[in-house]
C-alpha atoms as a PDB file:
ATOM      1  CA  MET A   1      18.638  10.967  -2.414  1.00  0.00           C
ATOM      2  CA  THR A   2      18.175   9.384  -5.942  1.00  0.00           C
ATOM      3  CA  ASN A   3      18.717   5.525  -6.237  1.00  0.00           C
ATOM      4  CA  PRO A   4      21.623   4.362  -8.449  1.00  0.00           C
ATOM      5  CA  SER A   5      19.090   1.781  -9.962  1.00  0.00           C
ATOM      6  CA  PRO A   6      15.335   1.678 -10.517  1.00  0.00           C
ATOM      7  CA  TRP A   7      13.101   0.826  -7.554  1.00  0.00           C
ATOM      8  CA  ARG A   8      12.740  -2.941  -7.896  1.00  0.00           C
ATOM      9  CA  ALA A   9      10.042  -5.263  -6.364  1.00  0.00           C
ATOM     10  CA  THR A  10      10.965  -8.970  -5.847  1.00  0.00           C
ATOM     11  CA  VAL A  11       7.987 -11.258  -5.332  1.00  0.00           C
ATOM     12  CA  LEU A  12       8.116 -14.693  -4.352  1.00  0.00           C
ATOM     13  CA  THR A  13       4.780 -16.573  -5.215  1.00  0.00           C
ATOM     14  CA  LEU A  14       3.420 -19.726  -6.201  1.00  0.00           C
ATOM     15  CA  PHE A  15       1.739 -17.800  -8.999  1.00  0.00           C
ATOM     16  CA  PRO A  16       4.298 -15.771 -10.751  1.00  0.00           C
ATOM     17  CA  GLU A  17       1.885 -15.562 -13.627  1.00  0.00           C
ATOM     18  CA  MET A  18      -0.309 -13.039 -11.602  1.00  0.00           C
ATOM     19  CA  PHE A  19       2.535 -10.478 -12.085  1.00  0.00           C
ATOM     20  CA  PRO A  20       2.619  -7.573 -13.145  1.00  0.00           C
ATOM     21  CA  GLY A  21      -1.177  -7.949 -13.598  1.00  0.00           C
ATOM     22  CA  PRO A  22      -2.900  -4.785 -13.075  1.00  0.00           C
ATOM     23  CA  LEU A  23       0.590  -3.108 -12.461  1.00  0.00           C
ATOM     24  CA  GLY A  24       1.201  -3.393 -16.287  1.00  0.00           C
ATOM     25  CA  VAL A  25      -1.413  -0.750 -17.180  1.00  0.00           C
ATOM     26  CA  SER A  26      -2.169   2.964 -16.355  1.00  0.00           C
ATOM     27  CA  LEU A  27       0.276   5.024 -14.414  1.00  0.00           C
ATOM     28  CA  ALA A  28       2.239   1.912 -13.031  1.00  0.00           C
ATOM     29  CA  GLY A  29       2.439   0.218 -16.351  1.00  0.00           C
ATOM     30  CA  ARG A  30       3.830   3.128 -18.259  1.00  0.00           C
ATOM     31  CA  ALA A  31       6.236   3.761 -15.511  1.00  0.00           C
ATOM     32  CA  LEU A  32       7.337   0.229 -15.823  1.00  0.00           C
ATOM     33  CA  ALA A  33       7.745   0.298 -19.388  1.00  0.00           C
ATOM     34  CA  SER A  34       9.896   3.570 -19.255  1.00  0.00           C
ATOM     35  CA  GLY A  35      11.969   1.860 -16.699  1.00  0.00           C
ATOM     36  CA  LEU A  36      11.222   3.881 -13.738  1.00  0.00           C
ATOM     37  CA  TRP A  37      10.611   0.644 -11.720  1.00  0.00           C
ATOM     38  CA  GLU A  38      11.176  -2.993 -12.093  1.00  0.00           C
ATOM     39  CA  ILE A  39       9.328  -5.908 -10.792  1.00  0.00           C
ATOM     40  CA  GLU A  40      10.558  -9.517 -10.615  1.00  0.00           C
ATOM     41  CA  ALA A  41       8.240 -12.571  -9.832  1.00  0.00           C
ATOM     42  CA  ARG A  42       9.935 -15.827  -8.684  1.00  0.00           C
ATOM     43  CA  ASP A  43       8.209 -19.165  -8.321  1.00  0.00           C
ATOM     44  CA  ILE A  44       8.850 -20.608  -4.797  1.00  0.00           C
ATOM     45  CA  ARG A  45       8.388 -23.963  -6.501  1.00  0.00           C
ATOM     46  CA  ALA A  46      11.703 -23.699  -8.266  1.00  0.00           C
ATOM     47  CA  SER A  47      13.325 -24.204  -4.752  1.00  0.00           C
ATOM     48  CA  ALA A  48      11.535 -27.392  -4.056  1.00  0.00           C
ATOM     49  CA  THR A  49      13.859 -30.574  -4.023  1.00  0.00           C
ATOM     50  CA  ASP A  50      11.421 -33.484  -4.582  1.00  0.00           C
ATOM     51  CA  ARG A  51      10.210 -34.793  -8.139  1.00  0.00           C
ATOM     52  CA  HIS A  52       6.741 -33.380  -7.085  1.00  0.00           C
ATOM     53  CA  ARG A  53       8.094 -29.917  -6.239  1.00  0.00           C
ATOM     54  CA  SER A  54       6.385 -30.046  -3.264  1.00  0.00           C
ATOM     55  CA  VAL A  55       6.268 -26.862  -1.047  1.00  0.00           C
ATOM     56  CA  ASP A  56       3.848 -27.572   1.773  1.00  0.00           C
ATOM     57  CA  ASP A  57       2.955 -30.096   4.512  1.00  0.00           C
ATOM     58  CA  THR A  58       0.547 -30.735   7.209  1.00  0.00           C
ATOM     59  CA  PRO A  59       0.482 -28.392  10.187  1.00  0.00           C
ATOM     60  CA  ALA A  60       2.446 -29.710  13.264  1.00  0.00           C
ATOM     61  CA  GLY A  61      -0.090 -30.443  16.137  1.00  0.00           C
ATOM     62  CA  GLY A  62      -2.577 -31.124  13.452  1.00  0.00           C
ATOM     63  CA  GLY A  63      -5.487 -28.918  12.106  1.00  0.00           C
ATOM     64  CA  PRO A  64      -6.834 -28.320   8.539  1.00  0.00           C
ATOM     65  CA  GLY A  65      -4.928 -27.197   5.598  1.00  0.00           C
ATOM     66  CA  MET A  66      -1.321 -27.105   4.793  1.00  0.00           C
ATOM     67  CA  VAL A  67       1.729 -25.020   5.684  1.00  0.00           C
ATOM     68  CA  LEU A  68       4.357 -23.572   3.509  1.00  0.00           C
ATOM     69  CA  ARG A  69       7.700 -25.548   4.175  1.00  0.00           C
ATOM     70  CA  ALA A  70      10.383 -23.537   5.995  1.00  0.00           C
ATOM     71  CA  ASP A  71      13.284 -25.010   3.967  1.00  0.00           C
ATOM     72  CA  VAL A  72      11.889 -24.556   0.656  1.00  0.00           C
ATOM     73  CA  LEU A  73      10.856 -21.004   1.287  1.00  0.00           C
ATOM     74  CA  ALA A  74      14.222 -20.209   3.054  1.00  0.00           C
ATOM     75  CA  ALA A  75      15.929 -21.644  -0.029  1.00  0.00           C
ATOM     76  CA  ALA A  76      13.596 -19.558  -2.333  1.00  0.00           C
ATOM     77  CA  ILE A  77      14.606 -16.364  -0.235  1.00  0.00           C
ATOM     78  CA  ASP A  78      18.236 -16.985  -0.219  1.00  0.00           C
ATOM     79  CA  ALA A  79      18.358 -17.688  -4.085  1.00  0.00           C
ATOM     80  CA  VAL A  80      17.197 -14.053  -4.540  1.00  0.00           C
ATOM     81  CA  GLY A  81      20.318 -12.728  -2.867  1.00  0.00           C
ATOM     82  CA  VAL A  82      18.633  -9.822  -1.348  1.00  0.00           C
ATOM     83  CA  SER A  83      20.967  -7.081  -0.151  1.00  0.00           C
ATOM     84  CA  PRO A  84      20.813  -5.952   3.629  1.00  0.00           C
ATOM     85  CA  ASP A  85      19.268  -2.502   2.583  1.00  0.00           C
ATOM     86  CA  ARG A  86      15.910  -4.087   0.954  1.00  0.00           C
ATOM     87  CA  PRO A  87      13.247  -4.897   3.322  1.00  0.00           C
ATOM     88  CA  LYS A  88      11.937  -8.442   3.315  1.00  0.00           C
ATOM     89  CA  LEU A  89       8.196  -8.459   3.759  1.00  0.00           C
ATOM     90  CA  LEU A  90       5.590 -11.182   4.156  1.00  0.00           C
ATOM     91  CA  MET A  91       2.061 -10.437   3.310  1.00  0.00           C
ATOM     92  CA  SER A  92      -0.049 -11.449   6.251  1.00  0.00           C
ATOM     93  CA  PRO A  93      -3.221 -10.669   8.029  1.00  0.00           C
ATOM     94  CA  ARG A  94      -1.490 -10.769  11.265  1.00  0.00           C
ATOM     95  CA  GLY A  95       1.008  -8.239  10.316  1.00  0.00           C
ATOM     96  CA  ARG A  96       1.347  -4.664  11.176  1.00  0.00           C
ATOM     97  CA  PRO A  97      -1.312  -2.498   9.105  1.00  0.00           C
ATOM     98  CA  LEU A  98       0.199  -0.945   6.054  1.00  0.00           C
ATOM     99  CA  THR A  99       0.075   2.766   6.386  1.00  0.00           C
ATOM    100  CA  GLN A 100       0.834   5.763   4.016  1.00  0.00           C
ATOM    101  CA  ALA A 101       3.964   6.482   6.240  1.00  0.00           C
ATOM    102  CA  ARG A 102       5.332   3.179   5.700  1.00  0.00           C
ATOM    103  CA  VAL A 103       4.424   3.097   2.014  1.00  0.00           C
ATOM    104  CA  ALA A 104       6.476   6.317   1.744  1.00  0.00           C
ATOM    105  CA  GLU A 105       9.508   4.675   3.470  1.00  0.00           C
ATOM    106  CA  LEU A 106       9.318   1.838   0.968  1.00  0.00           C
ATOM    107  CA  ALA A 107       9.151   3.933  -1.885  1.00  0.00           C
ATOM    108  CA  GLN A 108      12.215   5.943  -0.742  1.00  0.00           C
ATOM    109  CA  GLY A 109      14.343   2.812  -0.560  1.00  0.00           C
ATOM    110  CA  PRO A 110      15.630   0.269  -3.248  1.00  0.00           C
ATOM    111  CA  GLY A 111      12.485  -1.729  -3.280  1.00  0.00           C
ATOM    112  CA  PRO A 112      11.400  -4.767  -1.088  1.00  0.00           C
ATOM    113  CA  LEU A 113      11.346  -8.556  -1.400  1.00  0.00           C
ATOM    114  CA  ILE A 114       7.787  -9.749  -0.816  1.00  0.00           C
ATOM    115  CA  VAL A 115       6.728 -13.113   0.160  1.00  0.00           C
ATOM    116  CA  CYS A 116       3.415 -14.237  -0.683  1.00  0.00           C
ATOM    117  CA  GLY A 117       1.798 -17.004   1.431  1.00  0.00           C
ATOM    118  CA  ARG A 118      -0.709 -19.568   0.768  1.00  0.00           C
ATOM    119  CA  PHE A 119      -2.653 -22.313   2.388  1.00  0.00           C
ATOM    120  CA  GLU A 120      -2.779 -21.839   6.319  1.00  0.00           C
ATOM    121  CA  GLY A 121       0.547 -19.837   6.320  1.00  0.00           C
ATOM    122  CA  ILE A 122       4.074 -20.287   6.314  1.00  0.00           C
ATOM    123  CA  ASP A 123       6.433 -22.237   8.998  1.00  0.00           C
ATOM    124  CA  GLN A 124       7.277 -19.712  11.738  1.00  0.00           C
ATOM    125  CA  ARG A 125      10.878 -20.562  11.638  1.00  0.00           C
ATOM    126  CA  VAL A 126      11.716 -19.179   8.295  1.00  0.00           C
ATOM    127  CA  ILE A 127       9.752 -15.932   9.488  1.00  0.00           C
ATOM    128  CA  ASP A 128      12.252 -15.596  12.360  1.00  0.00           C
ATOM    129  CA  ALA A 129      15.309 -17.033  10.653  1.00  0.00           C
ATOM    130  CA  ARG A 130      15.229 -14.579   7.606  1.00  0.00           C
ATOM    131  CA  GLY A 131      13.716 -11.631   9.397  1.00  0.00           C
ATOM    132  CA  LEU A 132      10.471 -11.203   7.535  1.00  0.00           C
ATOM    133  CA  GLU A 133       8.415  -8.342   8.306  1.00  0.00           C
ATOM    134  CA  GLU A 134       4.828  -9.116   8.488  1.00  0.00           C
ATOM    135  CA  VAL A 135       2.493  -6.532   6.778  1.00  0.00           C
ATOM    136  CA  SER A 136      -1.429  -6.544   6.535  1.00  0.00           C
ATOM    137  CA  ILE A 137      -3.525  -4.569   4.085  1.00  0.00           C
ATOM    138  CA  GLY A 138      -6.751  -5.023   6.286  1.00  0.00           C
ATOM    139  CA  ASP A 139      -8.513  -7.088   8.728  1.00  0.00           C
ATOM    140  CA  TYR A 140      -9.655  -9.825   6.418  1.00  0.00           C
ATOM    141  CA  VAL A 141      -8.135 -13.079   4.770  1.00  0.00           C
ATOM    142  CA  LEU A 142      -7.315 -13.385   1.260  1.00  0.00           C
ATOM    143  CA  SER A 143      -6.600 -16.691  -0.683  1.00  0.00           C
ATOM    144  CA  GLY A 144      -2.960 -15.645  -0.736  1.00  0.00           C
ATOM    145  CA  GLY A 145      -0.487 -12.681  -0.458  1.00  0.00           C
ATOM    146  CA  GLU A 146      -0.528 -11.875  -4.118  1.00  0.00           C
ATOM    147  CA  ILE A 147      -3.494  -9.369  -4.083  1.00  0.00           C
ATOM    148  CA  ALA A 148      -2.007  -7.673  -1.177  1.00  0.00           C
ATOM    149  CA  ALA A 149       1.474  -7.494  -2.690  1.00  0.00           C
ATOM    150  CA  LEU A 150      -0.091  -6.012  -5.634  1.00  0.00           C
ATOM    151  CA  ALA A 151      -1.746  -3.418  -3.680  1.00  0.00           C
ATOM    152  CA  LEU A 152       1.346  -2.745  -1.591  1.00  0.00           C
ATOM    153  CA  ILE A 153       3.531  -2.250  -4.930  1.00  0.00           C
ATOM    154  CA  ASP A 154       1.011   0.080  -6.459  1.00  0.00           C
ATOM    155  CA  ALA A 155       0.986   2.132  -3.439  1.00  0.00           C
ATOM    156  CA  CYS A 156       4.854   2.495  -3.552  1.00  0.00           C
ATOM    157  CA  VAL A 157       5.159   2.971  -7.179  1.00  0.00           C
ATOM    158  CA  ARG A 158       2.831   5.749  -7.496  1.00  0.00           C
ATOM    159  CA  LEU A 159       5.018   7.811  -5.089  1.00  0.00           C
ATOM    160  CA  LEU A 160       8.281   7.313  -7.399  1.00  0.00           C
ATOM    161  CA  PRO A 161       9.700  10.313  -8.954  1.00  0.00           C
ATOM    162  CA  GLY A 162       8.227  10.763 -12.373  1.00  0.00           C
ATOM    163  CA  VAL A 163       5.199   8.444 -12.174  1.00  0.00           C
ATOM    164  CA  MET A 164       2.623  10.883 -11.309  1.00  0.00           C
ATOM    165  CA  GLY A 165       1.673  13.802 -13.444  1.00  0.00           C
ATOM    166  CA  LYS A 166       1.988  16.308 -10.870  1.00  0.00           C
ATOM    167  CA  GLU A 167       4.077  15.951  -7.763  1.00  0.00           C
ATOM    168  CA  ALA A 168       1.489  17.709  -5.543  1.00  0.00           C
ATOM    169  CA  SER A 169      -1.107  14.996  -6.785  1.00  0.00           C
ATOM    170  CA  GLY A 170       0.562  12.506  -4.133  1.00  0.00           C
ATOM    171  CA  THR A 171       0.615  14.951  -1.301  1.00  0.00           C
ATOM    172  CA  GLU A 172      -3.175  16.033  -1.229  1.00  0.00           C
ATOM    173  CA  GLU A 173      -4.678  12.757  -0.734  1.00  0.00           C
ATOM    174  CA  SER A 174      -6.176  10.498   2.036  1.00  0.00           C
ATOM    175  CA  PHE A 175      -3.643   9.907   4.664  1.00  0.00           C
ATOM    176  CA  SER A 176      -0.968  12.242   3.601  1.00  0.00           C
ATOM    177  CA  ASP A 177      -1.215  14.168   6.483  1.00  0.00           C
ATOM    178  CA  GLY A 178      -3.120  11.798   8.802  1.00  0.00           C
ATOM    179  CA  LEU A 179      -6.582  12.735   7.461  1.00  0.00           C
ATOM    180  CA  LEU A 180      -9.262  11.439   4.912  1.00  0.00           C
ATOM    181  CA  GLU A 181      -9.209  13.333   1.516  1.00  0.00           C
ATOM    182  CA  TYR A 182     -11.785  16.309   1.068  1.00  0.00           C
ATOM    183  CA  PRO A 183     -14.610  15.665  -1.389  1.00  0.00           C
ATOM    184  CA  GLN A 184     -13.783  16.406  -5.078  1.00  0.00           C
ATOM    185  CA  TYR A 185     -15.760  18.188  -7.659  1.00  0.00           C
ATOM    186  CA  THR A 186     -15.561  18.905 -11.530  1.00  0.00           C
ATOM    187  CA  ARG A 187     -17.680  20.221 -14.239  1.00  0.00           C
ATOM    188  CA  PRO A 188     -20.641  20.295 -14.962  1.00  0.00           C
ATOM    189  CA  GLN A 189     -21.254  22.935 -12.763  1.00  0.00           C
ATOM    190  CA  LEU A 190     -24.888  21.704 -12.011  1.00  0.00           C
ATOM    191  CA  PHE A 191     -25.451  18.011 -11.719  1.00  0.00           C
ATOM    192  CA  GLU A 192     -29.006  16.643 -11.116  1.00  0.00           C
ATOM    193  CA  GLY A 193     -29.918  19.922  -9.534  1.00  0.00           C
ATOM    194  CA  VAL A 194     -26.881  20.090  -7.307  1.00  0.00           C
ATOM    195  CA  PRO A 195     -24.056  22.713  -7.825  1.00  0.00           C
ATOM    196  CA  ILE A 196     -20.474  22.607  -7.302  1.00  0.00           C
ATOM    197  CA  PRO A 197     -19.944  24.378  -3.654  1.00  0.00           C
ATOM    198  CA  ASP A 198     -19.557  28.100  -4.415  1.00  0.00           C
ATOM    199  CA  ILE A 199     -16.508  28.439  -2.302  1.00  0.00           C
ATOM    200  CA  LEU A 200     -14.527  26.107  -4.625  1.00  0.00           C
ATOM    201  CA  THR A 201     -15.273  28.586  -7.720  1.00  0.00           C
ATOM    202  CA  SER A 202     -14.767  31.627  -5.740  1.00  0.00           C
ATOM    203  CA  GLY A 203     -11.026  32.148  -6.592  1.00  0.00           C
ATOM    204  CA  ASP A 204     -10.014  32.569  -3.118  1.00  0.00           C
ATOM    205  CA  HIS A 205      -7.357  29.980  -2.552  1.00  0.00           C
ATOM    206  CA  ALA A 206      -6.955  30.471   1.097  1.00  0.00           C
ATOM    207  CA  LYS A 207     -10.685  30.066   1.861  1.00  0.00           C
ATOM    208  CA  VAL A 208     -10.551  26.844  -0.656  1.00  0.00           C
ATOM    209  CA  ALA A 209      -7.689  25.392   1.532  1.00  0.00           C
ATOM    210  CA  ALA A 210      -9.473  26.080   4.737  1.00  0.00           C
ATOM    211  CA  TRP A 211     -12.859  24.711   3.394  1.00  0.00           C
ATOM    212  CA  ARG A 212     -10.758  21.454   2.251  1.00  0.00           C
ATOM    213  CA  ARG A 213      -9.123  20.978   5.755  1.00  0.00           C
ATOM    214  CA  ALA A 214     -12.196  21.316   7.427  1.00  0.00           C
ATOM    215  CA  GLN A 215     -14.136  18.869   5.189  1.00  0.00           C
ATOM    216  CA  SER A 216     -11.123  16.435   5.670  1.00  0.00           C
ATOM    217  CA  GLU A 217     -11.406  16.725   9.568  1.00  0.00           C
ATOM    218  CA  VAL A 218     -15.221  16.087   9.611  1.00  0.00           C
ATOM    219  CA  LEU A 219     -14.952  13.131   7.337  1.00  0.00           C
ATOM    220  CA  THR A 220     -12.109  11.583   9.370  1.00  0.00           C
ATOM    221  CA  ALA A 221     -13.688  12.378  12.735  1.00  0.00           C
ATOM    222  CA  ALA A 222     -16.973  10.529  11.444  1.00  0.00           C
ATOM    223  CA  ARG A 223     -15.448   7.750   9.435  1.00  0.00           C
ATOM    224  CA  ARG A 224     -12.137   6.811  10.856  1.00  0.00           C
ATOM    225  CA  PRO A 225     -12.352   7.733  14.751  1.00  0.00           C
ATOM    226  CA  ASP A 226      -8.861   5.771  15.046  1.00  0.00           C
ATOM    227  CA  LEU A 227      -7.035   8.207  12.840  1.00  0.00           C
ATOM    228  CA  TRP A 228      -8.784  11.246  14.362  1.00  0.00           C
ATOM    229  CA  ALA A 229      -7.685  10.307  17.610  1.00  0.00           C
ATOM    230  CA  GLN A 230      -4.003  10.289  16.546  1.00  0.00           C
ATOM    231  CA  ILE A 231      -3.965  13.737  15.131  1.00  0.00           C
ATOM    232  CA  PRO A 232      -2.522  16.369  17.620  1.00  0.00           C
ATOM    233  CA  PRO A 233      -4.574  19.323  18.639  1.00  0.00           C
ATOM    234  CA  LYS A 234      -3.855  22.647  17.136  1.00  0.00           C
ATOM    235  CA  ALA A 235      -1.320  25.005  18.682  1.00  0.00           C
ATOM    236  CA  PRO A 236      -2.893  27.350  21.329  1.00  0.00           C
ATOM    237  CA  ASN A 237      -2.308  30.447  19.082  1.00  0.00           C
ATOM    238  CA  ARG A 238      -4.113  29.016  16.044  1.00  0.00           C
ATOM    239  CA  PRO A 239      -7.763  28.425  15.447  1.00  0.00           C
ATOM    240  CA  GLY A 240      -9.159  25.269  17.055  1.00  0.00           C
ATOM    241  CA  ARG A 241     -10.737  22.408  14.891  1.00  0.00           C
ATOM    242  CA  GLN A 242     -13.819  23.511  13.342  1.00  0.00           C
ATOM    243  CA  LYS A 243     -16.877  21.975  11.754  1.00  0.00           C
ATOM    244  CA  ALA A 244     -16.897  21.898   8.175  1.00  0.00           C
ATOM    245  CA  PRO A 245     -19.135  24.817   6.898  1.00  0.00           C
ATOM    246  CA  LYS A 246     -22.207  24.018   5.472  1.00  0.00           C
ATOM    247  CA  ASN A 247     -22.737  24.236   1.746  1.00  0.00           C
ATOM    248  CA  LYS A 248     -25.462  23.556  -0.739  1.00  0.00           C
ATOM    249  CA  THR A 249     -24.546  19.872  -1.174  1.00  0.00           C
ATOM    250  CA  ASP A 250     -24.720  19.115   2.599  1.00  0.00           C
ATOM    251  CA  GLY A 251     -27.677  17.855   4.230  1.00  0.00           C
END
């Protein structure tokens, strides 16, 4: 179903100047300029009420660092006037890992509100009161949620209709079917004595597809056993999982 208006990302941050940043170039940038999607970065400090525009305070119970205040952040969220159909996300290392499936869901909707934390985090009460969905892009800690927000938005934008050159480009990639992407090759035919695997230049599309699938399975099993464990076994009447066939580039 086509959205009545462009997909829109609204970002709440202490550093609105970080947006659109890298999203203003390449595929995302061209799509932004042509109106296929929109981005709005709002300064959380605009909702501060004191003359110093304070947004944080010391953590209750003691400890290092500072915590974003619930009242200031809640006011910033409320000022956006988010419609109920727009997800409200908080970029957080303790959130659920972002997956390609979740990215696809977000890309099919109207676009999210994304809260970027800073300091030691944000007051839990505003997470609960405003129903923020905590999302993580990996098991590491960044200085703030802005870089994570850029990654999430980029992943969504490239799936929007009209953004990528070929619709198939978004379906034959890592994670699109639960597997890592197969190895890619292009000219020259011979590079430092290593040729493109013969099967890829054979013209036999069925064999090419089977080779790519086998390569994806081997890579996924070796590098991401967590993903491999989630892939259901093939039906009894179909060939079982196979090892990737050897080619001249294999060891």
